[in-house]
Amino acid sequence: MYSAALVSDPIQCQEGDGVVKMKFWASPGVKIRVCTRAPSMGKRYIWCSEPIKRNNTKLAKVVVPGTIWYTFEIVVEAYNFTLDAFGKQGGAAIIDDISYNSSAIYQCRMSKRVKSF
């Protein structure tokens, strides 16, 4: 199954809930969700929201729950590109006006890094 991801820069922890806000449009069948992961961990997500409901380009708001005591990334993932129309398969997702807000934690612990040779 095909998917596309928009990934944040690493975030140095979050105190309490964080909020991701964005406008989006998706072709029929395409789903969009917000996830968190340790930096550079591919699709090994720690948490994911339910698919965000279409809202005619009004601002969507997703709560990233709880305090996160390690460096993490926010991933906005579009998936389920299953449109089949006029002999073409796939779909599209457009994201605009995206923001993330939370209280910062200073002196949080860093996630373990795997050193590659």
C-alpha atoms as a PDB file:
ATOM      1  CA  MET A   1       0.000   0.000   0.000  1.00  0.00           C
ATOM      2  CA  TYR A   2       1.346   3.420  -0.945  1.00  0.00           C
ATOM      3  CA  SER A   3       1.655   6.271   1.530  1.00  0.00           C
ATOM      4  CA  ALA A   4       3.261   9.692   1.767  1.00  0.00           C
ATOM      5  CA  ALA A   5       4.668  11.388   4.863  1.00  0.00           C
ATOM      6  CA  LEU A   6       5.467  14.921   5.971  1.00  0.00           C
ATOM      7  CA  VAL A   7       7.963  14.726   8.853  1.00  0.00           C
ATOM      8  CA  SER A   8       8.844  17.437  11.372  1.00  0.00           C
ATOM      9  CA  ASP A   9      12.311  18.298  12.555  1.00  0.00           C
ATOM     10  CA  PRO A  10      13.127  16.475  15.832  1.00  0.00           C
ATOM     11  CA  ILE A  11      11.242  17.963  18.792  1.00  0.00           C
ATOM     12  CA  GLN A  12      12.903  18.029  22.218  1.00  0.00           C
ATOM     13  CA  CYS A  13      10.006  16.665  24.322  1.00  0.00           C
ATOM     14  CA  GLN A  14       6.536  17.977  25.075  1.00  0.00           C
ATOM     15  CA  GLU A  15       4.857  18.790  28.392  1.00  0.00           C
ATOM     16  CA  GLY A  16       1.188  17.819  28.488  1.00  0.00           C
ATOM     17  CA  ASP A  17      -0.821  17.609  25.288  1.00  0.00           C
ATOM     18  CA  GLY A  18       0.451  19.100  22.030  1.00  0.00           C
ATOM     19  CA  VAL A  19      -1.772  20.287  19.187  1.00  0.00           C
ATOM     20  CA  VAL A  20      -1.218  19.904  15.433  1.00  0.00           C
ATOM     21  CA  LYS A  21      -3.401  22.184  13.279  1.00  0.00           C
ATOM     22  CA  MET A  22      -3.612  22.082   9.493  1.00  0.00           C
ATOM     23  CA  LYS A  23      -5.808  22.525   6.466  1.00  0.00           C
ATOM     24  CA  PHE A  24      -5.997  19.603   4.077  1.00  0.00           C
ATOM     25  CA  TRP A  25      -7.726  18.223   1.031  1.00  0.00           C
ATOM     26  CA  ALA A  26      -7.653  14.589  -0.090  1.00  0.00           C
ATOM     27  CA  SER A  27      -9.102  12.721  -3.039  1.00  0.00           C
ATOM     28  CA  PRO A  28     -11.804  10.125  -2.279  1.00  0.00           C
ATOM     29  CA  GLY A  29     -10.508   7.203  -0.230  1.00  0.00           C
ATOM     30  CA  VAL A  30      -7.263   8.867   0.904  1.00  0.00           C
ATOM     31  CA  LYS A  31      -6.883   8.996   4.691  1.00  0.00           C
ATOM     32  CA  ILE A  32      -4.670  11.345   6.711  1.00  0.00           C
ATOM     33  CA  ARG A  33      -3.436  10.799  10.261  1.00  0.00           C
ATOM     34  CA  VAL A  34      -0.907  12.329  12.635  1.00  0.00           C
ATOM     35  CA  CYS A  35       1.695  10.068  14.277  1.00  0.00           C
ATOM     36  CA  THR A  36       4.737  10.368  16.541  1.00  0.00           C
ATOM     37  CA  ARG A  37       7.953   8.380  16.324  1.00  0.00           C
ATOM     38  CA  ALA A  38      11.537   8.405  17.518  1.00  0.00           C
ATOM     39  CA  PRO A  39      13.751  10.262  14.993  1.00  0.00           C
ATOM     40  CA  SER A  40      14.366   8.454  11.693  1.00  0.00           C
ATOM     41  CA  MET A  41      12.395   5.316  12.634  1.00  0.00           C
ATOM     42  CA  GLY A  42      10.434   4.924   9.403  1.00  0.00           C
ATOM     43  CA  LYS A  43       6.911   3.625   9.966  1.00  0.00           C
ATOM     44  CA  ARG A  44       7.620   2.404  13.500  1.00  0.00           C
ATOM     45  CA  TYR A  45       5.200   4.852  15.089  1.00  0.00           C
ATOM     46  CA  ILE A  46       4.777   5.292  18.830  1.00  0.00           C
ATOM     47  CA  TRP A  47       1.287   6.819  18.551  1.00  0.00           C
ATOM     48  CA  CYS A  48      -1.151   7.621  15.722  1.00  0.00           C
ATOM     49  CA  SER A  49      -4.428   9.501  15.624  1.00  0.00           C
ATOM     50  CA  GLU A  50      -7.543   8.116  14.038  1.00  0.00           C
ATOM     51  CA  PRO A  51      -7.914   9.218  10.393  1.00  0.00           C
ATOM     52  CA  ILE A  52      -8.819  12.908  10.285  1.00  0.00           C
ATOM     53  CA  LYS A  53     -12.304  13.504   8.927  1.00  0.00           C
ATOM     54  CA  ARG A  54     -12.691  15.630   5.796  1.00  0.00           C
ATOM     55  CA  ASN A  55     -13.851  19.113   6.697  1.00  0.00           C
ATOM     56  CA  ASN A  56     -13.913  21.092   3.441  1.00  0.00           C
ATOM     57  CA  THR A  57     -10.524  22.775   4.040  1.00  0.00           C
ATOM     58  CA  LYS A  58     -11.457  24.122   7.471  1.00  0.00           C
ATOM     59  CA  LEU A  59      -8.690  23.913  10.067  1.00  0.00           C
ATOM     60  CA  ALA A  60      -8.288  20.371  11.420  1.00  0.00           C
ATOM     61  CA  LYS A  61      -7.010  19.986  14.983  1.00  0.00           C
ATOM     62  CA  VAL A  62      -5.310  16.831  16.300  1.00  0.00           C
ATOM     63  CA  VAL A  63      -4.268  16.472  19.946  1.00  0.00           C
ATOM     64  CA  VAL A  64      -0.941  14.678  20.487  1.00  0.00           C
ATOM     65  CA  PRO A  65      -1.682  13.281  23.957  1.00  0.00           C
ATOM     66  CA  GLY A  66       0.451  13.425  27.066  1.00  0.00           C
ATOM     67  CA  THR A  67       3.929  14.396  28.102  1.00  0.00           C
ATOM     68  CA  ILE A  68       6.688  12.975  25.890  1.00  0.00           C
ATOM     69  CA  TRP A  69      10.024  12.721  27.715  1.00  0.00           C
ATOM     70  CA  TYR A  70      12.259  12.005  24.724  1.00  0.00           C
ATOM     71  CA  THR A  71      13.152  13.553  21.379  1.00  0.00           C
ATOM     72  CA  PHE A  72      10.482  12.714  18.798  1.00  0.00           C
ATOM     73  CA  GLU A  73       9.154  13.623  15.359  1.00  0.00           C
ATOM     74  CA  ILE A  74       5.623  14.362  14.219  1.00  0.00           C
ATOM     75  CA  VAL A  75       4.597  12.566  11.034  1.00  0.00           C
ATOM     76  CA  VAL A  76       1.565  13.569   8.974  1.00  0.00           C
ATOM     77  CA  GLU A  77       0.855  10.467   6.912  1.00  0.00           C
ATOM     78  CA  ALA A  78      -1.465  10.205   3.914  1.00  0.00           C
ATOM     79  CA  TYR A  79      -2.365   6.645   2.947  1.00  0.00           C
ATOM     80  CA  ASN A  80      -4.979   4.466   1.233  1.00  0.00           C
ATOM     81  CA  PHE A  81      -4.414   5.844  -2.274  1.00  0.00           C
ATOM     82  CA  THR A  82      -7.080   3.618  -3.832  1.00  0.00           C
ATOM     83  CA  LEU A  83      -8.906   5.899  -6.274  1.00  0.00           C
ATOM     84  CA  ASP A  84      -9.536   4.160  -9.596  1.00  0.00           C
ATOM     85  CA  ALA A  85     -11.023   6.558 -12.143  1.00  0.00           C
ATOM     86  CA  PHE A  86     -10.671   7.075 -15.883  1.00  0.00           C
ATOM     87  CA  GLY A  87      -8.060   4.323 -16.142  1.00  0.00           C
ATOM     88  CA  LYS A  88      -5.798   5.881 -13.501  1.00  0.00           C
ATOM     89  CA  GLN A  89      -5.088   4.628  -9.997  1.00  0.00           C
ATOM     90  CA  GLY A  90      -3.867   6.496  -6.930  1.00  0.00           C
ATOM     91  CA  GLY A  91      -5.047   9.765  -5.441  1.00  0.00           C
ATOM     92  CA  ALA A  92      -3.794  13.008  -3.967  1.00  0.00           C
ATOM     93  CA  ALA A  93      -3.398  14.721  -0.601  1.00  0.00           C
ATOM     94  CA  ILE A  94      -2.678  18.409  -0.022  1.00  0.00           C
ATOM     95  CA  ILE A  95      -1.660  19.854   3.354  1.00  0.00           C
ATOM     96  CA  ASP A  96      -1.432  23.580   4.079  1.00  0.00           C
ATOM     97  CA  ASP A  97      -1.088  25.984   7.030  1.00  0.00           C
ATOM     98  CA  ILE A  98       0.348  23.366   9.376  1.00  0.00           C
ATOM     99  CA  SER A  99       1.434  24.207  12.934  1.00  0.00           C
ATOM    100  CA  TYR A 100       2.352  22.418  16.173  1.00  0.00           C
ATOM    101  CA  ASN A 101       2.084  23.922  19.647  1.00  0.00           C
ATOM    102  CA  SER A 102       2.929  22.568  23.102  1.00  0.00           C
ATOM    103  CA  SER A 103       4.757  23.500  26.269  1.00  0.00           C
ATOM    104  CA  ALA A 104       8.471  22.838  25.990  1.00  0.00           C
ATOM    105  CA  ILE A 105      10.446  20.727  28.433  1.00  0.00           C
ATOM    106  CA  TYR A 106      14.050  21.668  28.954  1.00  0.00           C
ATOM    107  CA  GLN A 107      16.575  19.008  29.977  1.00  0.00           C
ATOM    108  CA  CYS A 108      14.530  16.103  28.643  1.00  0.00           C
ATOM    109  CA  ARG A 109      16.342  12.865  28.026  1.00  0.00           C
ATOM    110  CA  MET A 110      17.567  12.138  24.531  1.00  0.00           C
ATOM    111  CA  SER A 111      16.455   8.975  22.770  1.00  0.00           C
ATOM    112  CA  LYS A 112      19.125   6.326  22.254  1.00  0.00           C
ATOM    113  CA  ARG A 113      20.832   6.572  18.902  1.00  0.00           C
ATOM    114  CA  VAL A 114      22.008   3.583  16.931  1.00  0.00           C
ATOM    115  CA  LYS A 115      25.440   4.213  15.514  1.00  0.00           C
ATOM    116  CA  SER A 116      25.944   2.909  12.013  1.00  0.00           C
ATOM    117  CA  PHE A 117      29.311   2.030  10.553  1.00  0.00           C
END
